[in-house]
PDB file of N, CA and C in Angstrom:
ATOM      1  N   MET A   1     136.057 -37.045 -66.647  1.00  0.00           N
ATOM      2  CA  MET A   1     135.842 -37.086 -65.478  1.00  0.00           C
ATOM      3  C   MET A   1     135.100 -37.758 -64.566  1.00  0.00           C
ATOM      4  N   ASP A   2     135.136 -37.467 -63.735  1.00  0.00           N
ATOM      5  CA  ASP A   2     134.521 -38.439 -62.079  1.00  0.00           C
ATOM      6  C   ASP A   2     133.093 -38.648 -62.668  1.00  0.00           C
ATOM      7  N   PRO A   3     133.020 -39.664 -62.299  1.00  0.00           N
ATOM      8  CA  PRO A   3     130.985 -39.721 -62.506  1.00  0.00           C
ATOM      9  C   PRO A   3     129.983 -39.232 -61.691  1.00  0.00           C
ATOM     10  N   LYS A   4     130.299 -39.070 -60.587  1.00  0.00           N
ATOM     11  CA  LYS A   4     129.913 -38.193 -59.401  1.00  0.00           C
ATOM     12  C   LYS A   4     129.411 -36.491 -59.844  1.00  0.00           C
ATOM     13  N   THR A   5     130.698 -36.058 -60.455  1.00  0.00           N
ATOM     14  CA  THR A   5     130.534 -34.978 -60.853  1.00  0.00           C
ATOM     15  C   THR A   5     129.798 -34.597 -62.514  1.00  0.00           C
ATOM     16  N   ARG A   6     130.159 -35.854 -62.893  1.00  0.00           N
ATOM     17  CA  ARG A   6     129.264 -36.138 -64.680  1.00  0.00           C
ATOM     18  C   ARG A   6     127.802 -36.024 -64.069  1.00  0.00           C
ATOM     19  N   HIS A   7     126.961 -37.064 -62.901  1.00  0.00           N
ATOM     20  CA  HIS A   7     125.676 -36.856 -62.445  1.00  0.00           C
ATOM     21  C   HIS A   7     125.230 -35.374 -61.828  1.00  0.00           C
ATOM     22  N   ALA A   8     126.031 -34.994 -61.222  1.00  0.00           N
ATOM     23  CA  ALA A   8     125.603 -33.853 -60.430  1.00  0.00           C
ATOM     24  C   ALA A   8     125.656 -32.406 -61.571  1.00  0.00           C
ATOM     25  N   LEU A   9     126.804 -32.797 -62.386  1.00  0.00           N
ATOM     26  CA  LEU A   9     126.120 -31.345 -63.813  1.00  0.00           C
ATOM     27  C   LEU A   9     125.097 -32.330 -64.422  1.00  0.00           C
ATOM     28  N   LYS A  10     124.877 -33.231 -64.504  1.00  0.00           N
ATOM     29  CA  LYS A  10     123.504 -33.389 -65.465  1.00  0.00           C
ATOM     30  C   LYS A  10     122.258 -33.450 -64.434  1.00  0.00           C
ATOM     31  N   GLU A  11     122.312 -33.044 -63.367  1.00  0.00           N
ATOM     32  CA  GLU A  11     121.286 -32.848 -62.185  1.00  0.00           C
ATOM     33  C   GLU A  11     120.632 -31.902 -62.284  1.00  0.00           C
ATOM     34  N   GLY A  12     121.659 -30.417 -62.239  1.00  0.00           N
ATOM     35  CA  GLY A  12     121.996 -29.684 -62.600  1.00  0.00           C
ATOM     36  C   GLY A  12     121.302 -28.704 -63.940  1.00  0.00           C
ATOM     37  N   LEU A  13     121.914 -29.346 -64.864  1.00  0.00           N
ATOM     38  CA  LEU A  13     121.116 -28.876 -65.925  1.00  0.00           C
ATOM     39  C   LEU A  13     120.000 -29.411 -66.727  1.00  0.00           C
ATOM     40  N   ALA A  14     119.449 -30.605 -65.720  1.00  0.00           N
ATOM     41  CA  ALA A  14     118.138 -31.377 -65.810  1.00  0.00           C
ATOM     42  C   ALA A  14     117.392 -30.248 -65.273  1.00  0.00           C
ATOM     43  N   ASP A  15     117.528 -30.012 -63.960  1.00  0.00           N
ATOM     44  CA  ASP A  15     116.802 -28.455 -62.682  1.00  0.00           C
ATOM     45  C   ASP A  15     116.536 -27.607 -63.441  1.00  0.00           C
ATOM     46  N   ALA A  16     117.343 -27.390 -63.804  1.00  0.00           N
ATOM     47  CA  ALA A  16     117.453 -25.596 -64.889  1.00  0.00           C
ATOM     48  C   ALA A  16     116.202 -25.901 -65.883  1.00  0.00           C
ATOM     49  N   SER A  17     116.746 -26.480 -66.532  1.00  0.00           N
ATOM     50  CA  SER A  17     115.894 -26.718 -68.018  1.00  0.00           C
ATOM     51  C   SER A  17     114.443 -27.221 -67.545  1.00  0.00           C
ATOM     52  N   GLY A  18     114.317 -27.801 -66.888  1.00  0.00           N
ATOM     53  CA  GLY A  18     112.811 -28.747 -66.810  1.00  0.00           C
ATOM     54  C   GLY A  18     112.504 -27.357 -65.534  1.00  0.00           C
ATOM     55  N   PHE A  19     112.891 -26.677 -65.068  1.00  0.00           N
ATOM     56  CA  PHE A  19     111.694 -25.516 -64.515  1.00  0.00           C
ATOM     57  C   PHE A  19     111.664 -24.360 -65.641  1.00  0.00           C
ATOM     58  N   VAL A  20     112.448 -24.443 -66.261  1.00  0.00           N
ATOM     59  CA  VAL A  20     112.230 -23.021 -67.063  1.00  0.00           C
ATOM     60  C   VAL A  20     110.597 -23.739 -68.089  1.00  0.00           C
ATOM     61  N   ILE A  21     111.288 -24.791 -69.000  1.00  0.00           N
ATOM     62  CA  ILE A  21     110.171 -25.529 -69.602  1.00  0.00           C
ATOM     63  C   ILE A  21     109.091 -25.731 -69.138  1.00  0.00           C
ATOM     64  N   GLY A  22     108.885 -26.321 -67.756  1.00  0.00           N
ATOM     65  CA  GLY A  22     107.798 -26.583 -67.309  1.00  0.00           C
ATOM     66  C   GLY A  22     106.754 -24.992 -67.143  1.00  0.00           C
ATOM     67  N   SER A  23     107.579 -24.429 -66.340  1.00  0.00           N
ATOM     68  CA  SER A  23     107.247 -22.649 -66.132  1.00  0.00           C
ATOM     69  C   SER A  23     106.961 -22.114 -67.217  1.00  0.00           C
ATOM     70  N   LEU A  24     106.915 -22.423 -68.568  1.00  0.00           N
ATOM     71  CA  LEU A  24     106.694 -21.393 -69.703  1.00  0.00           C
ATOM     72  C   LEU A  24     105.433 -22.551 -69.987  1.00  0.00           C
ATOM     73  N   GLY A  25     105.383 -24.032 -69.918  1.00  0.00           N
ATOM     74  CA  GLY A  25     103.746 -24.741 -70.203  1.00  0.00           C
ATOM     75  C   GLY A  25     103.025 -24.411 -69.206  1.00  0.00           C
ATOM     76  N   GLY A  26     103.213 -24.174 -67.984  1.00  0.00           N
ATOM     77  CA  GLY A  26     102.359 -24.013 -66.568  1.00  0.00           C
ATOM     78  C   GLY A  26     101.663 -22.389 -67.593  1.00  0.00           C
ATOM     79  N   TRP A  27     102.195 -21.624 -67.952  1.00  0.00           N
ATOM     80  CA  TRP A  27     101.789 -20.194 -68.325  1.00  0.00           C
ATOM     81  C   TRP A  27     100.600 -20.537 -69.553  1.00  0.00           C
ATOM     82  N   ALA A  28     101.736 -21.600 -70.439  1.00  0.00           N
ATOM     83  CA  ALA A  28     101.119 -21.292 -71.733  1.00  0.00           C
ATOM     84  C   ALA A  28      99.424 -21.900 -71.269  1.00  0.00           C
ATOM     85  N   LEU A  29      99.337 -22.834 -70.233  1.00  0.00           N
ATOM     86  CA  LEU A  29      98.552 -23.609 -69.909  1.00  0.00           C
ATOM     87  C   LEU A  29      97.280 -22.225 -69.371  1.00  0.00           C
ATOM     88  N   GLY A  30      98.182 -21.657 -68.601  1.00  0.00           N
ATOM     89  CA  GLY A  30      96.962 -20.616 -67.449  1.00  0.00           C
ATOM     90  C   GLY A  30      96.337 -19.643 -68.705  1.00  0.00           C
ATOM     91  N   GLN A  31      97.119 -19.316 -69.638  1.00  0.00           N
ATOM     92  CA  GLN A  31      96.868 -18.378 -71.589  1.00  0.00           C
ATOM     93  C   GLN A  31      95.782 -19.027 -71.424  1.00  0.00           C
ATOM     94  N   GLN A  32      95.508 -20.158 -71.792  1.00  0.00           N
ATOM     95  CA  GLN A  32      94.831 -21.023 -72.404  1.00  0.00           C
ATOM     96  C   GLN A  32      93.423 -21.014 -71.928  1.00  0.00           C
ATOM     97  N   LEU A  33      93.471 -21.216 -70.587  1.00  0.00           N
ATOM     98  CA  LEU A  33      91.873 -21.474 -69.685  1.00  0.00           C
ATOM     99  C   LEU A  33      91.560 -19.667 -69.341  1.00  0.00           C
ATOM    100  N   GLY A  34      92.267 -18.948 -69.750  1.00  0.00           N
ATOM    101  CA  GLY A  34      92.102 -17.037 -69.213  1.00  0.00           C
ATOM    102  C   GLY A  34      92.531 -17.038 -68.167  1.00  0.00           C
ATOM    103  N   LEU A  35      93.742 -17.973 -67.611  1.00  0.00           N
ATOM    104  CA  LEU A  35      94.168 -17.601 -66.087  1.00  0.00           C
ATOM    105  C   LEU A  35      95.661 -16.700 -66.357  1.00  0.00           C
ATOM    106  N   ASP A  36      95.776 -15.697 -66.737  1.00  0.00           N
ATOM    107  CA  ASP A  36      97.240 -15.388 -66.944  1.00  0.00           C
ATOM    108  C   ASP A  36      97.843 -14.514 -65.961  1.00  0.00           C
ATOM    109  N   PHE A  37      98.353 -14.962 -65.648  1.00  0.00           N
ATOM    110  CA  PHE A  37      99.154 -14.151 -64.334  1.00  0.00           C
ATOM    111  C   PHE A  37      99.486 -12.832 -64.948  1.00  0.00           C
ATOM    112  N   PHE A  38      99.769 -12.280 -65.895  1.00  0.00           N
ATOM    113  CA  PHE A  38     100.462 -11.522 -66.466  1.00  0.00           C
ATOM    114  C   PHE A  38      99.520 -10.494 -67.086  1.00  0.00           C
ATOM    115  N   ALA A  39      98.415 -10.708 -67.344  1.00  0.00           N
ATOM    116  CA  ALA A  39      97.328  -9.989 -68.095  1.00  0.00           C
ATOM    117  C   ALA A  39      97.151  -8.643 -67.397  1.00  0.00           C
ATOM    118  N   ALA A  40      96.788  -8.331 -66.162  1.00  0.00           N
ATOM    119  CA  ALA A  40      96.496  -7.368 -65.200  1.00  0.00           C
ATOM    120  C   ALA A  40      97.501  -6.988 -64.513  1.00  0.00           C
ATOM    121  N   PRO A  41      98.194  -6.226 -64.588  1.00  0.00           N
ATOM    122  CA  PRO A  41      99.706  -5.510 -63.731  1.00  0.00           C
ATOM    123  C   PRO A  41      99.128  -5.034 -62.676  1.00  0.00           C
ATOM    124  N   ASP A  42      97.757  -4.441 -62.344  1.00  0.00           N
ATOM    125  CA  ASP A  42      97.741  -4.243 -60.845  1.00  0.00           C
ATOM    126  C   ASP A  42      96.350  -4.293 -60.412  1.00  0.00           C
ATOM    127  N   ALA A  43      96.141  -5.390 -60.977  1.00  0.00           N
ATOM    128  CA  ALA A  43      95.079  -6.175 -59.848  1.00  0.00           C
ATOM    129  C   ALA A  43      95.260  -7.897 -59.715  1.00  0.00           C
ATOM    130  N   PHE A  44      95.602  -8.218 -58.644  1.00  0.00           N
ATOM    131  CA  PHE A  44      95.573  -9.881 -58.697  1.00  0.00           C
ATOM    132  C   PHE A  44      94.256 -10.181 -57.574  1.00  0.00           C
ATOM    133  N   GLY A  45      93.374 -10.803 -58.931  1.00  0.00           N
ATOM    134  CA  GLY A  45      92.359 -11.637 -58.193  1.00  0.00           C
ATOM    135  C   GLY A  45      92.627 -12.989 -58.501  1.00  0.00           C
ATOM    136  N   TRP A  46      91.198 -13.997 -58.382  1.00  0.00           N
ATOM    137  CA  TRP A  46      91.662 -15.560 -58.758  1.00  0.00           C
ATOM    138  C   TRP A  46      91.725 -15.606 -59.816  1.00  0.00           C
ATOM    139  N   ARG A  47      91.533 -15.092 -60.972  1.00  0.00           N
ATOM    140  CA  ARG A  47      92.637 -15.583 -62.081  1.00  0.00           C
ATOM    141  C   ARG A  47      93.718 -15.302 -61.947  1.00  0.00           C
ATOM    142  N   GLU A  48      94.693 -14.240 -61.846  1.00  0.00           N
ATOM    143  CA  GLU A  48      95.549 -13.953 -61.998  1.00  0.00           C
ATOM    144  C   GLU A  48      96.257 -15.033 -60.403  1.00  0.00           C
ATOM    145  N   MET A  49      95.983 -15.486 -59.658  1.00  0.00           N
ATOM    146  CA  MET A  49      96.608 -16.025 -58.559  1.00  0.00           C
ATOM    147  C   MET A  49      96.919 -18.035 -59.178  1.00  0.00           C
ATOM    148  N   ALA A  50      95.432 -18.314 -59.813  1.00  0.00           N
ATOM    149  CA  ALA A  50      95.425 -19.333 -60.143  1.00  0.00           C
ATOM    150  C   ALA A  50      96.371 -19.561 -61.434  1.00  0.00           C
ATOM    151  N   GLY A  51      96.899 -18.619 -62.063  1.00  0.00           N
ATOM    152  CA  GLY A  51      97.528 -18.061 -63.097  1.00  0.00           C
ATOM    153  C   GLY A  51      98.906 -18.506 -62.600  1.00  0.00           C
ATOM    154  N   LEU A  52      99.320 -17.986 -61.497  1.00  0.00           N
ATOM    155  CA  LEU A  52     100.224 -18.073 -60.620  1.00  0.00           C
ATOM    156  C   LEU A  52     101.175 -19.591 -60.202  1.00  0.00           C
ATOM    157  N   ALA A  53      99.316 -20.217 -59.660  1.00  0.00           N
ATOM    158  CA  ALA A  53      99.545 -21.728 -59.391  1.00  0.00           C
ATOM    159  C   ALA A  53      99.944 -22.445 -59.993  1.00  0.00           C
ATOM    160  N   LEU A  54      99.540 -22.287 -61.801  1.00  0.00           N
ATOM    161  CA  LEU A  54      99.822 -23.132 -63.073  1.00  0.00           C
ATOM    162  C   LEU A  54     101.008 -23.085 -63.031  1.00  0.00           C
ATOM    163  N   ILE A  55     101.775 -22.172 -62.800  1.00  0.00           N
ATOM    164  CA  ILE A  55     103.495 -21.504 -63.584  1.00  0.00           C
ATOM    165  C   ILE A  55     103.633 -22.534 -62.200  1.00  0.00           C
ATOM    166  N   ALA A  56     103.501 -22.391 -61.353  1.00  0.00           N
ATOM    167  CA  ALA A  56     104.452 -23.020 -60.032  1.00  0.00           C
ATOM    168  C   ALA A  56     104.242 -24.266 -60.410  1.00  0.00           C
ATOM    169  N   LEU A  57     103.263 -24.729 -60.363  1.00  0.00           N
ATOM    170  CA  LEU A  57     102.983 -26.493 -60.642  1.00  0.00           C
ATOM    171  C   LEU A  57     103.606 -26.901 -62.053  1.00  0.00           C
ATOM    172  N   GLY A  58     103.735 -26.368 -62.920  1.00  0.00           N
ATOM    173  CA  GLY A  58     104.304 -26.536 -63.864  1.00  0.00           C
ATOM    174  C   GLY A  58     105.907 -26.904 -64.162  1.00  0.00           C
ATOM    175  N   ALA A  59     106.284 -25.730 -63.123  1.00  0.00           N
ATOM    176  CA  ALA A  59     107.540 -25.284 -62.894  1.00  0.00           C
ATOM    177  C   ALA A  59     108.256 -26.914 -62.311  1.00  0.00           C
ATOM    178  N   GLY A  60     107.463 -27.245 -61.106  1.00  0.00           N
ATOM    179  CA  GLY A  60     107.880 -28.328 -60.424  1.00  0.00           C
ATOM    180  C   GLY A  60     107.529 -30.065 -60.896  1.00  0.00           C
ATOM    181  N   VAL A  61     106.905 -30.430 -61.537  1.00  0.00           N
ATOM    182  CA  VAL A  61     106.073 -31.141 -62.101  1.00  0.00           C
ATOM    183  C   VAL A  61     107.631 -31.220 -63.648  1.00  0.00           C
ATOM    184  N   GLY A  62     107.858 -30.000 -64.156  1.00  0.00           N
ATOM    185  CA  GLY A  62     108.499 -29.856 -65.628  1.00  0.00           C
ATOM    186  C   GLY A  62     110.360 -30.510 -64.304  1.00  0.00           C
ATOM    187  N   LYS A  63     110.619 -30.151 -63.402  1.00  0.00           N
ATOM    188  CA  LYS A  63     111.899 -30.395 -63.128  1.00  0.00           C
ATOM    189  C   LYS A  63     111.856 -31.840 -62.442  1.00  0.00           C
ATOM    190  N   ILE A  64     111.000 -32.344 -62.260  1.00  0.00           N
ATOM    191  CA  ILE A  64     110.432 -34.043 -61.979  1.00  0.00           C
ATOM    192  C   ILE A  64     110.816 -34.672 -62.880  1.00  0.00           C
ATOM    193  N   VAL A  65     110.469 -33.952 -64.354  1.00  0.00           N
ATOM    194  CA  VAL A  65     110.279 -34.539 -65.153  1.00  0.00           C
ATOM    195  C   VAL A  65     111.727 -34.977 -66.055  1.00  0.00           C
ATOM    196  N   ALA A  66     111.810 -34.092 -66.161  1.00  0.00           N
ATOM    197  CA  ALA A  66     113.623 -33.824 -66.329  1.00  0.00           C
ATOM    198  C   ALA A  66     114.704 -34.246 -66.080  1.00  0.00           C
ATOM    199  N   ARG A  67     114.343 -34.477 -64.933  1.00  0.00           N
ATOM    200  CA  ARG A  67     115.319 -34.930 -63.329  1.00  0.00           C
ATOM    201  C   ARG A  67     115.773 -36.791 -64.049  1.00  0.00           C
ATOM    202  N   ARG A  68     114.099 -36.870 -64.531  1.00  0.00           N
ATOM    203  CA  ARG A  68     113.789 -38.841 -64.417  1.00  0.00           C
ATOM    204  C   ARG A  68     114.228 -38.987 -65.988  1.00  0.00           C
ATOM    205  N   ILE A  69     113.989 -37.832 -66.599  1.00  0.00           N
ATOM    206  CA  ILE A  69     114.427 -38.406 -68.328  1.00  0.00           C
ATOM    207  C   ILE A  69     116.133 -37.624 -68.298  1.00  0.00           C
ATOM    208  N   ILE A  70     116.805 -36.953 -68.213  1.00  0.00           N
ATOM    209  CA  ILE A  70     118.317 -36.384 -68.095  1.00  0.00           C
ATOM    210  C   ILE A  70     119.393 -37.127 -67.291  1.00  0.00           C
ATOM    211  N   ALA A  71     118.592 -37.274 -66.116  1.00  0.00           N
ATOM    212  CA  ALA A  71     119.603 -37.313 -64.621  1.00  0.00           C
ATOM    213  C   ALA A  71     119.283 -38.585 -64.289  1.00  0.00           C
ATOM    214  N   PRO A  72     118.932 -39.634 -64.340  1.00  0.00           N
ATOM    215  CA  PRO A  72     118.222 -40.774 -63.766  1.00  0.00           C
ATOM    216  C   PRO A  72     118.870 -41.437 -62.670  1.00  0.00           C
ATOM    217  N   PRO A  73     118.667 -41.621 -61.750  1.00  0.00           N
ATOM    218  CA  PRO A  73     119.335 -41.887 -60.103  1.00  0.00           C
ATOM    219  C   PRO A  73     120.423 -42.904 -60.870  1.00  0.00           C
ATOM    220  N   PRO A  74     121.868 -42.994 -60.096  1.00  0.00           N
ATOM    221  CA  PRO A  74     122.807 -43.843 -60.675  1.00  0.00           C
ATOM    222  C   PRO A  74     121.972 -45.222 -59.977  1.00  0.00           C
ATOM    223  N   PRO A  75     122.656 -46.479 -60.286  1.00  0.00           N
ATOM    224  CA  PRO A  75     122.446 -47.920 -59.829  1.00  0.00           C
ATOM    225  C   PRO A  75     122.824 -47.317 -58.470  1.00  0.00           C
ATOM    226  N   SER A  76     122.577 -47.985 -57.527  1.00  0.00           N
ATOM    227  CA  SER A  76     123.170 -48.789 -56.457  1.00  0.00           C
ATOM    228  C   SER A  76     123.712 -50.040 -56.051  1.00  0.00           C
ATOM    229  N   THR A  77     125.145 -49.767 -55.865  1.00  0.00           N
ATOM    230  CA  THR A  77     126.453 -50.976 -55.748  1.00  0.00           C
ATOM    231  C   THR A  77     126.517 -51.664 -54.643  1.00  0.00           C
TER     232      THR A  77
END
């Protein structure tokens, strides 16, 4: 397999796995803090919005961390 294609595949897998794992981590943190986004189906108060922010933050951080671990940038030549 071409090295560029292999690196692109690694980046895609890192992004997808980091996004999912980070989102689940943010959701779990929100539940522990009492900021569960999915707790009240008909109400969107500050607790639900803060829980949503934690999920989004976890997704972003998870994506960045996974990409640095799984697919670091190739060395420049």
